[in-house]
Amino acid sequence: MFKKVLIPVDVEVPAQAHQLLVAAKKLTAGWACELHVTTIIPSIGMAIVGTYLDNDFEARRRAAVVGQLAEVVAAAGIEADQHVQTGTIYDSVIELASNLGADLIILGAHQPDVRDYLLGSNAARVVRHSKQSVLVLRDEALLTD
């Protein structure tokens, strides 16, 4: 089936990340594929924001996120290469998928709210712009065994 699968998770919501990784583990069990799990640290944005942060803020934040990602992956019992990136979520996912040569991206998605209808969700943007196949699992699909 698929040879390289990328699974983006939000480590700030560990329960959802866990559910997505467990679902991905079940889906890919018979595929003999290479799994990659990523999380993205949003960019700080405007330069003026950075002036209010400690000089080592980004390094400390990255180290914390690396640890969180390792915990979520271990808790799900999944063997995967782990990647922590900084930037815009959908751009980072698409770029990493291309760089890895992934042929499938497995995303979790929540029920859209008004903001998502106006701006579009990260999942929708990945689906629209990715060259890879994308499997979107909704909250309800993640909760079923």
N, C-alpha and C. Protein backbone atom coordinates (compact mmCIF):
# COMPACT_ATOMS: atom_id res chain seq x y z
N MET A 1 0.84 -1.18 0.00
CA MET A 1 0.00 0.00 0.00
C MET A 1 0.89 1.24 0.00
N PHE A 2 0.86 2.03 1.06
CA PHE A 2 1.69 3.23 1.15
C PHE A 2 3.03 2.88 1.80
N LYS A 3 4.09 3.55 1.37
CA LYS A 3 5.43 3.24 1.87
C LYS A 3 5.93 4.21 2.95
N LYS A 4 5.55 5.50 2.84
CA LYS A 4 5.95 6.50 3.83
C LYS A 4 4.73 7.31 4.22
N VAL A 5 4.45 7.32 5.52
CA VAL A 5 3.26 8.00 6.03
C VAL A 5 3.68 9.08 7.02
N LEU A 6 3.15 10.27 6.83
CA LEU A 6 3.39 11.40 7.74
C LEU A 6 2.14 11.64 8.57
N ILE A 7 2.33 11.76 9.88
CA ILE A 7 1.21 11.98 10.80
C ILE A 7 1.48 13.24 11.62
N PRO A 8 0.88 14.36 11.26
CA PRO A 8 1.05 15.57 12.05
C PRO A 8 0.14 15.53 13.29
N VAL A 9 0.68 15.91 14.44
CA VAL A 9 -0.10 15.94 15.68
C VAL A 9 0.14 17.26 16.39
N ASP A 10 -0.79 17.61 17.26
CA ASP A 10 -0.65 18.78 18.11
C ASP A 10 -0.35 18.30 19.51
N VAL A 11 0.89 18.45 19.95
CA VAL A 11 1.28 17.95 21.27
C VAL A 11 0.67 18.77 22.41
N GLU A 12 0.10 19.92 22.08
CA GLU A 12 -0.58 20.73 23.10
C GLU A 12 -1.93 20.12 23.47
N VAL A 13 -2.40 19.18 22.68
CA VAL A 13 -3.64 18.46 22.96
C VAL A 13 -3.29 16.97 22.93
N PRO A 14 -2.62 16.50 23.99
CA PRO A 14 -2.08 15.13 23.97
C PRO A 14 -3.14 14.04 23.81
N ALA A 15 -4.33 14.23 24.33
CA ALA A 15 -5.37 13.19 24.19
C ALA A 15 -5.74 13.00 22.72
N GLN A 16 -5.90 14.10 21.99
CA GLN A 16 -6.23 14.00 20.56
C GLN A 16 -5.05 13.44 19.78
N ALA A 17 -3.85 13.86 20.12
CA ALA A 17 -2.66 13.33 19.45
C ALA A 17 -2.57 11.82 19.66
N HIS A 18 -2.83 11.39 20.88
CA HIS A 18 -2.80 9.96 21.20
C HIS A 18 -3.83 9.20 20.37
N GLN A 19 -5.06 9.72 20.31
CA GLN A 19 -6.11 9.06 19.55
C GLN A 19 -5.73 8.94 18.07
N LEU A 20 -5.17 10.01 17.52
CA LEU A 20 -4.78 9.98 16.11
C LEU A 20 -3.67 8.97 15.87
N LEU A 21 -2.68 8.93 16.75
CA LEU A 21 -1.57 7.99 16.57
C LEU A 21 -2.03 6.55 16.72
N VAL A 22 -2.92 6.28 17.65
CA VAL A 22 -3.45 4.92 17.82
C VAL A 22 -4.24 4.52 16.57
N ALA A 23 -5.06 5.43 16.05
CA ALA A 23 -5.82 5.14 14.83
C ALA A 23 -4.88 4.90 13.65
N ALA A 24 -3.84 5.73 13.53
CA ALA A 24 -2.87 5.57 12.44
C ALA A 24 -2.12 4.24 12.57
N LYS A 25 -1.80 3.87 13.79
CA LYS A 25 -1.12 2.59 14.03
C LYS A 25 -1.98 1.42 13.55
N LYS A 26 -3.27 1.47 13.86
CA LYS A 26 -4.19 0.41 13.43
C LYS A 26 -4.31 0.40 11.90
N LEU A 27 -4.44 1.58 11.31
CA LEU A 27 -4.61 1.67 9.85
C LEU A 27 -3.41 1.13 9.09
N THR A 28 -2.21 1.41 9.61
CA THR A 28 -0.99 1.08 8.88
C THR A 28 -0.38 -0.25 9.31
N ALA A 29 -1.03 -0.96 10.19
CA ALA A 29 -0.45 -2.18 10.77
C ALA A 29 0.05 -3.18 9.73
N GLY A 30 -0.67 -3.39 8.67
CA GLY A 30 -0.27 -4.40 7.68
C GLY A 30 0.47 -3.83 6.48
N TRP A 31 0.84 -2.59 6.52
CA TRP A 31 1.43 -1.96 5.34
C TRP A 31 2.94 -2.05 5.25
N ALA A 32 3.63 -2.39 6.30
CA ALA A 32 5.10 -2.41 6.31
C ALA A 32 5.65 -1.08 5.78
N CYS A 33 5.13 -0.01 6.34
CA CYS A 33 5.54 1.32 5.86
C CYS A 33 6.37 2.04 6.92
N GLU A 34 7.02 3.08 6.48
CA GLU A 34 7.83 3.94 7.33
C GLU A 34 6.93 5.05 7.87
N LEU A 35 6.87 5.20 9.20
CA LEU A 35 6.03 6.22 9.80
C LEU A 35 6.86 7.41 10.27
N HIS A 36 6.31 8.59 10.06
CA HIS A 36 6.92 9.85 10.52
C HIS A 36 5.85 10.64 11.25
N VAL A 37 6.18 11.11 12.44
CA VAL A 37 5.25 11.93 13.22
C VAL A 37 5.87 13.30 13.37
N THR A 38 5.06 14.33 13.16
CA THR A 38 5.56 15.69 13.28
C THR A 38 4.64 16.54 14.12
N THR A 39 5.20 17.56 14.71
CA THR A 39 4.44 18.61 15.35
C THR A 39 5.08 19.92 14.96
N ILE A 40 4.29 20.96 14.91
CA ILE A 40 4.79 22.24 14.45
C ILE A 40 4.65 23.28 15.55
N ILE A 41 5.74 23.99 15.79
CA ILE A 41 5.72 25.12 16.72
C ILE A 41 5.38 26.35 15.88
N PRO A 42 4.27 27.01 16.18
CA PRO A 42 3.92 28.19 15.38
C PRO A 42 4.99 29.27 15.48
N SER A 43 5.21 29.97 14.38
CA SER A 43 6.18 31.07 14.37
C SER A 43 5.73 32.14 15.35
N ILE A 44 6.69 32.85 15.91
CA ILE A 44 6.38 33.92 16.85
C ILE A 44 5.65 35.06 16.14
N GLY A 45 5.94 35.26 14.89
CA GLY A 45 5.23 36.29 14.13
C GLY A 45 6.04 37.56 14.03
N MET A 46 5.44 38.63 14.43
CA MET A 46 6.08 39.94 14.30
C MET A 46 7.34 40.01 15.15
N ALA A 47 8.33 40.69 14.64
CA ALA A 47 9.61 40.82 15.34
C ALA A 47 9.45 41.49 16.69
N ILE A 48 8.51 42.39 16.81
CA ILE A 48 8.31 43.09 18.08
C ILE A 48 7.92 42.13 19.20
N VAL A 49 7.22 41.04 18.85
CA VAL A 49 6.84 40.05 19.86
C VAL A 49 8.08 39.41 20.45
N GLY A 50 9.05 39.12 19.60
CA GLY A 50 10.29 38.48 20.06
C GLY A 50 11.07 39.31 21.06
N THR A 51 10.90 40.61 21.03
CA THR A 51 11.63 41.47 21.97
C THR A 51 11.14 41.29 23.39
N TYR A 52 9.95 40.74 23.58
CA TYR A 52 9.41 40.52 24.92
C TYR A 52 9.78 39.15 25.49
N LEU A 53 10.44 38.34 24.71
CA LEU A 53 10.79 36.99 25.13
C LEU A 53 12.27 36.88 25.48
N ASP A 54 12.59 35.95 26.36
CA ASP A 54 14.00 35.70 26.70
C ASP A 54 14.76 35.28 25.46
N ASN A 55 16.09 35.50 25.49
CA ASN A 55 16.92 35.12 24.35
C ASN A 55 16.87 33.63 24.04
N ASP A 56 16.72 32.82 25.07
CA ASP A 56 16.72 31.38 24.86
C ASP A 56 15.30 30.79 24.83
N PHE A 57 14.29 31.64 24.67
CA PHE A 57 12.90 31.17 24.67
C PHE A 57 12.66 30.10 23.60
N GLU A 58 13.09 30.38 22.38
CA GLU A 58 12.83 29.43 21.29
C GLU A 58 13.52 28.10 21.52
N ALA A 59 14.75 28.13 22.02
CA ALA A 59 15.48 26.88 22.28
C ALA A 59 14.80 26.08 23.39
N ARG A 60 14.36 26.77 24.45
CA ARG A 60 13.66 26.07 25.53
C ARG A 60 12.32 25.53 25.06
N ARG A 61 11.61 26.30 24.26
CA ARG A 61 10.31 25.85 23.74
C ARG A 61 10.49 24.63 22.85
N ARG A 62 11.49 24.66 21.99
CA ARG A 62 11.76 23.53 21.10
C ARG A 62 12.10 22.27 21.90
N ALA A 63 12.95 22.42 22.90
CA ALA A 63 13.32 21.26 23.73
C ALA A 63 12.10 20.68 24.43
N ALA A 64 11.21 21.54 24.92
CA ALA A 64 10.00 21.07 25.58
C ALA A 64 9.10 20.33 24.60
N VAL A 65 8.96 20.85 23.40
CA VAL A 65 8.10 20.23 22.39
C VAL A 65 8.69 18.90 21.93
N VAL A 66 10.00 18.82 21.78
CA VAL A 66 10.65 17.54 21.43
C VAL A 66 10.30 16.49 22.48
N GLY A 67 10.36 16.87 23.75
CA GLY A 67 10.01 15.95 24.83
C GLY A 67 8.55 15.55 24.80
N GLN A 68 7.67 16.52 24.56
CA GLN A 68 6.24 16.23 24.48
C GLN A 68 5.93 15.27 23.34
N LEU A 69 6.56 15.50 22.20
CA LEU A 69 6.33 14.63 21.04
C LEU A 69 6.79 13.21 21.35
N ALA A 70 7.95 13.08 21.95
CA ALA A 70 8.47 11.76 22.30
C ALA A 70 7.51 11.03 23.26
N GLU A 71 6.95 11.77 24.21
CA GLU A 71 6.01 11.17 25.16
C GLU A 71 4.74 10.68 24.47
N VAL A 72 4.19 11.51 23.59
CA VAL A 72 2.95 11.15 22.89
C VAL A 72 3.17 9.92 22.00
N VAL A 73 4.29 9.91 21.30
CA VAL A 73 4.60 8.77 20.41
C VAL A 73 4.80 7.50 21.23
N ALA A 74 5.54 7.60 22.33
CA ALA A 74 5.77 6.43 23.18
C ALA A 74 4.47 5.92 23.80
N ALA A 75 3.62 6.83 24.25
CA ALA A 75 2.35 6.44 24.87
C ALA A 75 1.44 5.71 23.90
N ALA A 76 1.54 6.05 22.62
CA ALA A 76 0.71 5.38 21.61
C ALA A 76 1.32 4.05 21.18
N GLY A 77 2.54 3.77 21.60
CA GLY A 77 3.19 2.52 21.24
C GLY A 77 3.50 2.43 19.76
N ILE A 78 3.85 3.56 19.18
CA ILE A 78 4.10 3.61 17.74
C ILE A 78 5.60 3.84 17.52
N GLU A 79 6.14 3.16 16.52
CA GLU A 79 7.54 3.38 16.15
C GLU A 79 7.56 4.30 14.95
N ALA A 80 8.17 5.47 15.13
CA ALA A 80 8.17 6.45 14.05
C ALA A 80 9.32 7.42 14.22
N ASP A 81 9.80 7.94 13.10
CA ASP A 81 10.75 9.05 13.14
C ASP A 81 9.97 10.27 13.58
N GLN A 82 10.60 11.10 14.40
CA GLN A 82 9.91 12.26 14.94
C GLN A 82 10.55 13.55 14.41
N HIS A 83 9.69 14.50 14.07
CA HIS A 83 10.14 15.77 13.50
C HIS A 83 9.44 16.92 14.20
N VAL A 84 10.20 17.91 14.64
CA VAL A 84 9.64 19.13 15.21
C VAL A 84 10.05 20.27 14.29
N GLN A 85 9.05 21.01 13.83
CA GLN A 85 9.30 22.11 12.91
C GLN A 85 8.74 23.40 13.47
N THR A 86 9.20 24.51 12.92
CA THR A 86 8.67 25.82 13.29
C THR A 86 8.14 26.48 12.04
N GLY A 87 6.95 27.07 12.13
CA GLY A 87 6.38 27.76 10.99
C GLY A 87 4.88 27.70 10.97
N THR A 88 4.32 27.87 9.80
CA THR A 88 2.88 27.77 9.60
C THR A 88 2.54 26.29 9.50
N ILE A 89 1.51 25.87 10.17
CA ILE A 89 1.20 24.45 10.27
C ILE A 89 1.05 23.79 8.90
N TYR A 90 0.14 24.28 8.09
CA TYR A 90 -0.12 23.60 6.81
C TYR A 90 1.07 23.66 5.87
N ASP A 91 1.79 24.79 5.83
CA ASP A 91 2.99 24.87 4.98
C ASP A 91 4.06 23.89 5.44
N SER A 92 4.25 23.81 6.76
CA SER A 92 5.26 22.91 7.31
C SER A 92 4.95 21.45 7.03
N VAL A 93 3.68 21.08 7.15
CA VAL A 93 3.27 19.69 6.89
C VAL A 93 3.52 19.35 5.43
N ILE A 94 3.09 20.22 4.53
CA ILE A 94 3.25 19.97 3.10
C ILE A 94 4.73 19.91 2.72
N GLU A 95 5.52 20.82 3.25
CA GLU A 95 6.96 20.84 2.95
C GLU A 95 7.65 19.57 3.46
N LEU A 96 7.35 19.19 4.70
CA LEU A 96 7.98 17.98 5.25
C LEU A 96 7.55 16.74 4.47
N ALA A 97 6.29 16.64 4.12
CA ALA A 97 5.82 15.49 3.35
C ALA A 97 6.58 15.38 2.03
N SER A 98 6.79 16.51 1.38
CA SER A 98 7.54 16.51 0.11
C SER A 98 9.00 16.14 0.34
N ASN A 99 9.62 16.73 1.36
CA ASN A 99 11.03 16.45 1.65
C ASN A 99 11.27 14.98 2.01
N LEU A 100 10.32 14.38 2.71
CA LEU A 100 10.45 12.98 3.10
C LEU A 100 10.11 12.01 1.97
N GLY A 101 9.40 12.50 0.99
CA GLY A 101 8.90 11.61 -0.06
C GLY A 101 7.72 10.79 0.43
N ALA A 102 6.96 11.36 1.37
CA ALA A 102 5.79 10.67 1.91
C ALA A 102 4.76 10.51 0.80
N ASP A 103 4.03 9.40 0.85
CA ASP A 103 2.97 9.22 -0.13
C ASP A 103 1.58 9.25 0.51
N LEU A 104 1.53 9.43 1.85
CA LEU A 104 0.26 9.60 2.54
C LEU A 104 0.47 10.48 3.77
N ILE A 105 -0.49 11.36 3.98
CA ILE A 105 -0.55 12.17 5.20
C ILE A 105 -1.83 11.79 5.91
N ILE A 106 -1.72 11.42 7.19
CA ILE A 106 -2.90 11.11 7.99
C ILE A 106 -3.09 12.25 8.98
N LEU A 107 -4.22 12.93 8.85
CA LEU A 107 -4.52 14.10 9.69
C LEU A 107 -5.73 13.84 10.56
N GLY A 108 -5.74 14.47 11.71
CA GLY A 108 -6.95 14.52 12.52
C GLY A 108 -7.63 15.84 12.25
N ALA A 109 -8.95 15.87 12.37
CA ALA A 109 -9.68 17.12 12.17
C ALA A 109 -10.85 17.19 13.13
N HIS A 110 -11.10 18.38 13.61
CA HIS A 110 -12.22 18.61 14.51
C HIS A 110 -13.41 19.12 13.71
N GLN A 111 -14.54 19.21 14.36
CA GLN A 111 -15.71 19.79 13.71
C GLN A 111 -15.42 21.27 13.47
N PRO A 112 -15.65 21.76 12.26
CA PRO A 112 -15.32 23.14 11.96
C PRO A 112 -16.20 24.13 12.73
N ASP A 113 -15.61 25.27 13.08
CA ASP A 113 -16.39 26.35 13.67
C ASP A 113 -16.43 27.50 12.67
N VAL A 114 -17.04 28.59 13.05
CA VAL A 114 -17.23 29.72 12.13
C VAL A 114 -15.90 30.22 11.57
N ARG A 115 -14.89 30.30 12.41
CA ARG A 115 -13.58 30.78 11.97
C ARG A 115 -13.03 29.91 10.85
N ASP A 116 -13.24 28.59 10.95
CA ASP A 116 -12.76 27.68 9.92
C ASP A 116 -13.46 27.90 8.59
N TYR A 117 -14.74 28.26 8.64
CA TYR A 117 -15.46 28.51 7.40
C TYR A 117 -14.94 29.77 6.71
N LEU A 118 -14.51 30.74 7.51
CA LEU A 118 -14.01 31.99 6.93
C LEU A 118 -12.56 31.86 6.46
N LEU A 119 -11.72 31.22 7.25
CA LEU A 119 -10.29 31.13 6.94
C LEU A 119 -9.87 29.78 6.39
N GLY A 120 -10.58 28.74 6.73
CA GLY A 120 -10.18 27.39 6.34
C GLY A 120 -9.32 26.77 7.42
N SER A 121 -9.51 25.50 7.66
CA SER A 121 -8.72 24.81 8.69
C SER A 121 -7.38 24.37 8.10
N ASN A 122 -6.47 24.03 8.99
CA ASN A 122 -5.17 23.51 8.53
C ASN A 122 -5.37 22.22 7.74
N ALA A 123 -6.27 21.36 8.19
CA ALA A 123 -6.53 20.11 7.47
C ALA A 123 -7.02 20.40 6.06
N ALA A 124 -7.93 21.35 5.94
CA ALA A 124 -8.47 21.69 4.61
C ALA A 124 -7.37 22.23 3.70
N ARG A 125 -6.50 23.02 4.24
CA ARG A 125 -5.41 23.58 3.43
C ARG A 125 -4.43 22.49 3.00
N VAL A 126 -4.14 21.55 3.89
CA VAL A 126 -3.26 20.44 3.50
C VAL A 126 -3.91 19.62 2.40
N VAL A 127 -5.19 19.32 2.56
CA VAL A 127 -5.91 18.54 1.55
C VAL A 127 -5.87 19.26 0.21
N ARG A 128 -6.12 20.56 0.23
CA ARG A 128 -6.18 21.34 -1.01
C ARG A 128 -4.85 21.46 -1.72
N HIS A 129 -3.76 21.60 -0.97
CA HIS A 129 -2.48 21.96 -1.58
C HIS A 129 -1.43 20.85 -1.62
N SER A 130 -1.67 19.76 -0.93
CA SER A 130 -0.68 18.68 -0.89
C SER A 130 -0.67 17.88 -2.18
N LYS A 131 0.51 17.43 -2.57
CA LYS A 131 0.64 16.55 -3.73
C LYS A 131 0.46 15.08 -3.31
N GLN A 132 0.51 14.83 -2.00
CA GLN A 132 0.34 13.49 -1.48
C GLN A 132 -1.14 13.20 -1.22
N SER A 133 -1.45 11.92 -1.12
CA SER A 133 -2.79 11.53 -0.68
C SER A 133 -2.93 11.95 0.78
N VAL A 134 -4.13 12.36 1.15
CA VAL A 134 -4.39 12.80 2.52
C VAL A 134 -5.62 12.07 3.05
N LEU A 135 -5.48 11.47 4.21
CA LEU A 135 -6.58 10.81 4.89
C LEU A 135 -6.91 11.65 6.12
N VAL A 136 -8.14 12.18 6.17
CA VAL A 136 -8.56 13.02 7.29
C VAL A 136 -9.49 12.20 8.17
N LEU A 137 -9.11 12.07 9.43
CA LEU A 137 -9.94 11.35 10.40
C LEU A 137 -10.60 12.38 11.31
N ARG A 138 -11.91 12.37 11.35
CA ARG A 138 -12.67 13.27 12.21
C ARG A 138 -12.65 12.76 13.65
N ASP A 139 -12.99 13.62 14.58
CA ASP A 139 -13.01 13.27 15.99
C ASP A 139 -13.76 11.97 16.25
N GLU A 140 -14.92 11.81 15.62
CA GLU A 140 -15.75 10.62 15.85
C GLU A 140 -15.03 9.35 15.40
N ALA A 141 -14.31 9.42 14.29
CA ALA A 141 -13.60 8.25 13.78
C ALA A 141 -12.46 7.86 14.71
N LEU A 142 -11.88 8.84 15.37
CA LEU A 142 -10.76 8.57 16.26
C LEU A 142 -11.21 7.92 17.56
N LEU A 143 -12.46 8.13 17.92
CA LEU A 143 -12.96 7.61 19.20
C LEU A 143 -13.45 6.19 19.12
N THR A 144 -13.66 5.68 17.91
CA THR A 144 -14.16 4.31 17.78
C THR A 144 -13.02 3.32 17.82
N ASP A 145 -13.28 2.16 18.36
CA ASP A 145 -12.23 1.12 18.44
C ASP A 145 -12.35 0.14 17.33
